[in-house]
PDB file of all heavy atoms in Angstrom:
ATOM      1  N   LEU A   1     -73.541-183.614  -7.400  1.00  0.00           N
ATOM      2  CA  LEU A   1     -72.969-184.757  -6.678  1.00  0.00           C
ATOM      3  C   LEU A   1     -72.357-184.320  -5.343  1.00  0.00           C
ATOM      4  O   LEU A   1     -72.539-184.982  -4.321  1.00  0.00           O
ATOM      5  CB  LEU A   1     -71.931-185.484  -7.527  1.00  0.00           C
ATOM      6  CG  LEU A   1     -71.359-186.761  -6.921  1.00  0.00           C
ATOM      7  CD1 LEU A   1     -72.467-187.774  -6.600  1.00  0.00           C
ATOM      8  CD2 LEU A   1     -70.329-187.376  -7.846  1.00  0.00           C
ATOM      9  N   ALA A   2     -71.649-183.196  -5.326  1.00  0.00           N
ATOM     10  CA  ALA A   2     -71.080-182.683  -4.074  1.00  0.00           C
ATOM     11  C   ALA A   2     -72.179-182.391  -3.065  1.00  0.00           C
ATOM     12  O   ALA A   2     -72.044-182.737  -1.878  1.00  0.00           O
ATOM     13  CB  ALA A   2     -70.246-181.432  -4.342  1.00  0.00           C
ATOM     14  N   THR A   3     -73.258-181.791  -3.516  1.00  0.00           N
ATOM     15  CA  THR A   3     -74.375-181.489  -2.622  1.00  0.00           C
ATOM     16  C   THR A   3     -75.015-182.771  -2.108  1.00  0.00           C
ATOM     17  O   THR A   3     -75.320-182.895  -0.922  1.00  0.00           O
ATOM     18  CB  THR A   3     -75.423-180.609  -3.345  1.00  0.00           C
ATOM     19  OG1 THR A   3     -74.767-179.447  -3.854  1.00  0.00           O
ATOM     20  CG2 THR A   3     -76.547-180.197  -2.416  1.00  0.00           C
ATOM     21  N   PHE A   4     -75.182-183.751  -2.987  1.00  0.00           N
ATOM     22  CA  PHE A   4     -75.768-185.031  -2.589  1.00  0.00           C
ATOM     23  C   PHE A   4     -74.875-185.760  -1.588  1.00  0.00           C
ATOM     24  O   PHE A   4     -75.373-186.275  -0.576  1.00  0.00           O
ATOM     25  CB  PHE A   4     -76.015-185.913  -3.829  1.00  0.00           C
ATOM     26  CG  PHE A   4     -76.608-187.249  -3.487  1.00  0.00           C
ATOM     27  CD1 PHE A   4     -77.949-187.358  -3.168  1.00  0.00           C
ATOM     28  CD2 PHE A   4     -75.824-188.389  -3.454  1.00  0.00           C
ATOM     29  CE1 PHE A   4     -78.500-188.586  -2.836  1.00  0.00           C
ATOM     30  CE2 PHE A   4     -76.351-189.612  -3.123  1.00  0.00           C
ATOM     31  CZ  PHE A   4     -77.702-189.711  -2.812  1.00  0.00           C
ATOM     32  N   VAL A   5     -73.581-185.797  -1.828  1.00  0.00           N
ATOM     33  CA  VAL A   5     -72.650-186.462  -0.899  1.00  0.00           C
ATOM     34  C   VAL A   5     -72.653-185.751   0.444  1.00  0.00           C
ATOM     35  O   VAL A   5     -72.643-186.405   1.505  1.00  0.00           O
ATOM     36  CB  VAL A   5     -71.222-186.536  -1.500  1.00  0.00           C
ATOM     37  CG1 VAL A   5     -70.204-186.984  -0.473  1.00  0.00           C
ATOM     38  CG2 VAL A   5     -71.217-187.473  -2.711  1.00  0.00           C
ATOM     39  N   TYR A   6     -72.694-184.418   0.433  1.00  0.00           N
ATOM     40  CA  TYR A   6     -72.792-183.648   1.674  1.00  0.00           C
ATOM     41  C   TYR A   6     -74.023-184.091   2.475  1.00  0.00           C
ATOM     42  O   TYR A   6     -73.931-184.364   3.676  1.00  0.00           O
ATOM     43  CB  TYR A   6     -72.852-182.155   1.343  1.00  0.00           C
ATOM     44  CG  TYR A   6     -73.325-181.283   2.476  1.00  0.00           C
ATOM     45  CD1 TYR A   6     -72.486-180.968   3.538  1.00  0.00           C
ATOM     46  CD2 TYR A   6     -74.625-180.775   2.506  1.00  0.00           C
ATOM     47  CE1 TYR A   6     -72.925-180.172   4.591  1.00  0.00           C
ATOM     48  CE2 TYR A   6     -75.071-179.978   3.542  1.00  0.00           C
ATOM     49  CZ  TYR A   6     -74.220-179.689   4.578  1.00  0.00           C
ATOM     50  OH  TYR A   6     -74.659-178.910   5.620  1.00  0.00           O
ATOM     51  N   LEU A   7     -75.170-184.160   1.794  1.00  0.00           N
ATOM     52  CA  LEU A   7     -76.402-184.570   2.471  1.00  0.00           C
ATOM     53  C   LEU A   7     -76.336-186.016   2.942  1.00  0.00           C
ATOM     54  O   LEU A   7     -76.790-186.340   4.039  1.00  0.00           O
ATOM     55  CB  LEU A   7     -77.608-184.379   1.549  1.00  0.00           C
ATOM     56  CG  LEU A   7     -77.951-182.933   1.222  1.00  0.00           C
ATOM     57  CD1 LEU A   7     -79.050-182.864   0.174  1.00  0.00           C
ATOM     58  CD2 LEU A   7     -78.355-182.182   2.473  1.00  0.00           C
ATOM     59  N   LEU A   8     -75.773-186.883   2.114  1.00  0.00           N
ATOM     60  CA  LEU A   8     -75.653-188.294   2.490  1.00  0.00           C
ATOM     61  C   LEU A   8     -74.774-188.469   3.725  1.00  0.00           C
ATOM     62  O   LEU A   8     -75.142-189.180   4.671  1.00  0.00           O
ATOM     63  CB  LEU A   8     -75.098-189.096   1.309  1.00  0.00           C
ATOM     64  CG  LEU A   8     -74.975-190.598   1.515  1.00  0.00           C
ATOM     65  CD1 LEU A   8     -76.352-191.222   1.701  1.00  0.00           C
ATOM     66  CD2 LEU A   8     -74.264-191.227   0.326  1.00  0.00           C
ATOM     67  N   LEU A   9     -73.629-187.822   3.742  1.00  0.00           N
ATOM     68  CA  LEU A   9     -72.732-187.905   4.905  1.00  0.00           C
ATOM     69  C   LEU A   9     -73.392-187.348   6.159  1.00  0.00           C
ATOM     70  O   LEU A   9     -73.290-187.921   7.240  1.00  0.00           O
ATOM     71  CB  LEU A   9     -71.421-187.187   4.622  1.00  0.00           C
ATOM     72  CG  LEU A   9     -70.480-187.853   3.617  1.00  0.00           C
ATOM     73  CD1 LEU A   9     -69.317-186.935   3.280  1.00  0.00           C
ATOM     74  CD2 LEU A   9     -69.984-189.183   4.151  1.00  0.00           C
ATOM     75  N   GLY A  10     -74.067-186.216   6.014  1.00  0.00           N
ATOM     76  CA  GLY A  10     -74.776-185.630   7.147  1.00  0.00           C
ATOM     77  C   GLY A  10     -75.893-186.524   7.645  1.00  0.00           C
ATOM     78  O   GLY A  10     -76.128-186.651   8.855  1.00  0.00           O
ATOM     79  N   THR A  11     -76.587-187.177   6.721  1.00  0.00           N
ATOM     80  CA  THR A  11     -77.701-188.055   7.088  1.00  0.00           C
ATOM     81  C   THR A  11     -77.229-189.270   7.884  1.00  0.00           C
ATOM     82  O   THR A  11     -77.908-189.717   8.808  1.00  0.00           O
ATOM     83  CB  THR A  11     -78.469-188.501   5.827  1.00  0.00           C
ATOM     84  OG1 THR A  11     -78.968-187.338   5.169  1.00  0.00           O
ATOM     85  CG2 THR A  11     -79.625-189.413   6.163  1.00  0.00           C
ATOM     86  N   VAL A  12     -76.058-189.797   7.537  1.00  0.00           N
ATOM     87  CA  VAL A  12     -75.559-190.979   8.264  1.00  0.00           C
ATOM     88  C   VAL A  12     -74.893-190.619   9.583  1.00  0.00           C
ATOM     89  O   VAL A  12     -74.427-191.493  10.301  1.00  0.00           O
ATOM     90  CB  VAL A  12     -74.628-191.866   7.406  1.00  0.00           C
ATOM     91  CG1 VAL A  12     -75.352-192.409   6.192  1.00  0.00           C
ATOM     92  CG2 VAL A  12     -73.360-191.137   7.004  1.00  0.00           C
ATOM     93  N   GLY A  13     -74.842-189.321   9.899  1.00  0.00           N
ATOM     94  CA  GLY A  13     -74.385-188.933  11.222  1.00  0.00           C
ATOM     95  C   GLY A  13     -73.134-188.086  11.286  1.00  0.00           C
ATOM     96  O   GLY A  13     -72.749-187.635  12.363  1.00  0.00           O
ATOM     97  N   VAL A  14     -72.456-187.856  10.172  1.00  0.00           N
ATOM     98  CA  VAL A  14     -71.282-186.992  10.194  1.00  0.00           C
ATOM     99  C   VAL A  14     -71.786-185.568  10.495  1.00  0.00           C
ATOM    100  O   VAL A  14     -72.718-185.090   9.851  1.00  0.00           O
ATOM    101  CB  VAL A  14     -70.528-187.042   8.844  1.00  0.00           C
ATOM    102  CG1 VAL A  14     -69.318-186.111   8.867  1.00  0.00           C
ATOM    103  CG2 VAL A  14     -70.110-188.473   8.515  1.00  0.00           C
ATOM    104  N   PRO A  15     -71.215-184.888  11.468  1.00  0.00           N
ATOM    105  CA  PRO A  15     -71.748-183.578  11.888  1.00  0.00           C
ATOM    106  C   PRO A  15     -71.425-182.453  10.901  1.00  0.00           C
ATOM    107  O   PRO A  15     -70.653-181.548  11.177  1.00  0.00           O
ATOM    108  CB  PRO A  15     -71.087-183.353  13.238  1.00  0.00           C
ATOM    109  CG  PRO A  15     -69.802-184.110  13.161  1.00  0.00           C
ATOM    110  CD  PRO A  15     -70.092-185.307  12.298  1.00  0.00           C
ATOM    111  N   LEU A  16     -72.068-182.505   9.751  1.00  0.00           N
ATOM    112  CA  LEU A  16     -71.826-181.528   8.689  1.00  0.00           C
ATOM    113  C   LEU A  16     -72.873-180.433   8.620  1.00  0.00           C
ATOM    114  O   LEU A  16     -72.676-179.428   7.943  1.00  0.00           O
ATOM    115  CB  LEU A  16     -71.772-182.234   7.323  1.00  0.00           C
ATOM    116  CG  LEU A  16     -70.682-183.268   7.122  1.00  0.00           C
ATOM    117  CD1 LEU A  16     -70.789-183.859   5.721  1.00  0.00           C
ATOM    118  CD2 LEU A  16     -69.311-182.664   7.333  1.00  0.00           C
ATOM    119  N   PHE A  17     -74.005-180.630   9.275  1.00  0.00           N
ATOM    120  CA  PHE A  17     -75.101-179.681   9.166  1.00  0.00           C
ATOM    121  C   PHE A  17     -74.901-178.525  10.142  1.00  0.00           C
ATOM    122  O   PHE A  17     -73.951-178.506  10.921  1.00  0.00           O
ATOM    123  CB  PHE A  17     -76.438-180.365   9.397  1.00  0.00           C
ATOM    124  CG  PHE A  17     -76.763-181.464   8.414  1.00  0.00           C
ATOM    125  CD1 PHE A  17     -77.492-182.569   8.799  1.00  0.00           C
ATOM    126  CD2 PHE A  17     -76.337-181.400   7.091  1.00  0.00           C
ATOM    127  CE1 PHE A  17     -77.798-183.582   7.903  1.00  0.00           C
ATOM    128  CE2 PHE A  17     -76.638-182.403   6.179  1.00  0.00           C
ATOM    129  CZ  PHE A  17     -77.363-183.502   6.592  1.00  0.00           C
ATOM    130  N   ALA A  18     -75.801-177.565  10.116  1.00  0.00           N
ATOM    131  CA  ALA A  18     -75.710-176.378  10.976  1.00  0.00           C
ATOM    132  C   ALA A  18     -75.507-176.782  12.436  1.00  0.00           C
ATOM    133  O   ALA A  18     -76.078-177.766  12.903  1.00  0.00           O
ATOM    134  CB  ALA A  18     -76.977-175.542  10.839  1.00  0.00           C
ATOM    135  N   GLN A  19     -74.698-176.007  13.120  1.00  0.00           N
ATOM    136  CA  GLN A  19     -74.392-176.213  14.532  1.00  0.00           C
ATOM    137  C   GLN A  19     -73.778-177.586  14.794  1.00  0.00           C
ATOM    138  O   GLN A  19     -74.003-178.205  15.821  1.00  0.00           O
ATOM    139  CB  GLN A  19     -75.640-175.980  15.385  1.00  0.00           C
ATOM    140  CG  GLN A  19     -76.186-174.582  15.200  1.00  0.00           C
ATOM    141  CD  GLN A  19     -77.611-174.442  15.651  1.00  0.00           C
ATOM    142  OE1 GLN A  19     -78.358-175.408  15.794  1.00  0.00           O
ATOM    143  NE2 GLN A  19     -78.020-173.196  15.860  1.00  0.00           N
ATOM    144  N   PHE A  20     -72.985-178.078  13.836  1.00  0.00           N
ATOM    145  CA  PHE A  20     -72.259-179.346  13.942  1.00  0.00           C
ATOM    146  C   PHE A  20     -73.180-180.527  14.241  1.00  0.00           C
ATOM    147  O   PHE A  20     -72.872-181.379  15.063  1.00  0.00           O
ATOM    148  CB  PHE A  20     -71.153-179.252  15.001  1.00  0.00           C
ATOM    149  CG  PHE A  20     -70.097-178.246  14.667  1.00  0.00           C
ATOM    150  CD1 PHE A  20     -70.173-176.946  15.152  1.00  0.00           C
ATOM    151  CD2 PHE A  20     -69.041-178.581  13.842  1.00  0.00           C
ATOM    152  CE1 PHE A  20     -69.206-176.007  14.839  1.00  0.00           C
ATOM    153  CE2 PHE A  20     -68.073-177.649  13.532  1.00  0.00           C
ATOM    154  CZ  PHE A  20     -68.142-176.349  14.021  1.00  0.00           C
ATOM    155  N   THR A  21     -74.330-180.575  13.580  1.00  0.00           N
ATOM    156  CA  THR A  21     -75.260-181.675  13.771  1.00  0.00           C
ATOM    157  C   THR A  21     -75.221-182.588  12.561  1.00  0.00           C
ATOM    158  O   THR A  21     -74.683-182.257  11.513  1.00  0.00           O
ATOM    159  CB  THR A  21     -76.705-181.157  13.967  1.00  0.00           C
ATOM    160  OG1 THR A  21     -77.087-180.407  12.814  1.00  0.00           O
ATOM    161  CG2 THR A  21     -76.819-180.301  15.211  1.00  0.00           C
ATOM    162  N   GLY A  22     -75.813-183.746  12.726  1.00  0.00           N
ATOM    163  CA  GLY A  22     -75.932-184.709  11.649  1.00  0.00           C
ATOM    164  C   GLY A  22     -76.909-185.781  12.072  1.00  0.00           C
ATOM    165  O   GLY A  22     -77.344-185.836  13.217  1.00  0.00           O
ATOM    166  N   GLY A  23     -77.275-186.642  11.151  1.00  0.00           N
ATOM    167  CA  GLY A  23     -78.159-187.752  11.446  1.00  0.00           C
ATOM    168  C   GLY A  23     -79.485-187.651  10.712  1.00  0.00           C
ATOM    169  O   GLY A  23     -79.879-186.587  10.245  1.00  0.00           O
ATOM    170  N   ILE A  24     -80.148-188.771  10.633  1.00  0.00           N
ATOM    171  CA  ILE A  24     -81.427-188.862   9.933  1.00  0.00           C
ATOM    172  C   ILE A  24     -82.488-187.961  10.569  1.00  0.00           C
ATOM    173  O   ILE A  24     -83.373-187.466   9.889  1.00  0.00           O
ATOM    174  CB  ILE A  24     -81.902-190.334   9.839  1.00  0.00           C
ATOM    175  CG1 ILE A  24     -83.092-190.480   8.876  1.00  0.00           C
ATOM    176  CG2 ILE A  24     -82.289-190.881  11.198  1.00  0.00           C
ATOM    177  CD1 ILE A  24     -82.712-190.409   7.443  1.00  0.00           C
ATOM    178  N   GLY A  25     -82.384-187.735  11.871  1.00  0.00           N
ATOM    179  CA  GLY A  25     -83.341-186.871  12.562  1.00  0.00           C
ATOM    180  C   GLY A  25     -83.328-185.457  12.061  1.00  0.00           C
ATOM    181  O   GLY A  25     -84.360-184.781  12.073  1.00  0.00           O
ATOM    182  N   ILE A  26     -82.195-184.982  11.586  1.00  0.00           N
ATOM    183  CA  ILE A  26     -82.122-183.628  11.041  1.00  0.00           C
ATOM    184  C   ILE A  26     -82.856-183.589   9.691  1.00  0.00           C
ATOM    185  O   ILE A  26     -83.632-182.667   9.423  1.00  0.00           O
ATOM    186  CB  ILE A  26     -80.651-183.167  10.862  1.00  0.00           C
ATOM    187  CG1 ILE A  26     -79.901-183.231  12.193  1.00  0.00           C
ATOM    188  CG2 ILE A  26     -80.586-181.787  10.229  1.00  0.00           C
ATOM    189  CD1 ILE A  26     -80.424-182.306  13.256  1.00  0.00           C
ATOM    190  N   ILE A  27     -82.642-184.596   8.873  1.00  0.00           N
ATOM    191  CA  ILE A  27     -83.293-184.642   7.558  1.00  0.00           C
ATOM    192  C   ILE A  27     -84.807-184.811   7.700  1.00  0.00           C
ATOM    193  O   ILE A  27     -85.575-184.200   6.976  1.00  0.00           O
ATOM    194  CB  ILE A  27     -82.703-185.788   6.699  1.00  0.00           C
ATOM    195  CG1 ILE A  27     -81.251-185.491   6.334  1.00  0.00           C
ATOM    196  CG2 ILE A  27     -83.528-186.038   5.445  1.00  0.00           C
ATOM    197  CD1 ILE A  27     -81.047-184.365   5.344  1.00  0.00           C
ATOM    198  N   THR A  28     -85.234-185.641   8.630  1.00  0.00           N
ATOM    199  CA  THR A  28     -86.681-185.876   8.795  1.00  0.00           C
ATOM    200  C   THR A  28     -87.336-184.832   9.694  1.00  0.00           C
ATOM    201  O   THR A  28     -88.558-184.827   9.830  1.00  0.00           O
ATOM    202  CB  THR A  28     -86.955-187.279   9.358  1.00  0.00           C
ATOM    203  OG1 THR A  28     -86.302-187.412  10.628  1.00  0.00           O
ATOM    204  CG2 THR A  28     -86.469-188.357   8.400  1.00  0.00           C
ATOM    205  N   GLY A  29     -86.535-183.964  10.302  1.00  0.00           N
ATOM    206  CA  GLY A  29     -87.071-182.919  11.171  1.00  0.00           C
ATOM    207  C   GLY A  29     -87.634-181.751  10.372  1.00  0.00           C
ATOM    208  O   GLY A  29     -87.641-181.748   9.138  1.00  0.00           O
ATOM    209  N   PRO A  30     -88.080-180.722  11.075  1.00  0.00           N
ATOM    210  CA  PRO A  30     -88.756-179.607  10.414  1.00  0.00           C
ATOM    211  C   PRO A  30     -87.902-178.849   9.397  1.00  0.00           C
ATOM    212  O   PRO A  30     -88.429-178.294   8.444  1.00  0.00           O
ATOM    213  CB  PRO A  30     -89.188-178.694  11.560  1.00  0.00           C
ATOM    214  CG  PRO A  30     -88.550-179.200  12.779  1.00  0.00           C
ATOM    215  CD  PRO A  30     -88.043-180.577  12.517  1.00  0.00           C
TER     216      PRO A  30
END
């Protein structure tokens, strides 16, 4: 659940991913 919430928050745009990025474009990107 923690991993899923992390991904969900990052997908909606919270800058949680590498290099402070977020958004659906990161998930749908390479």
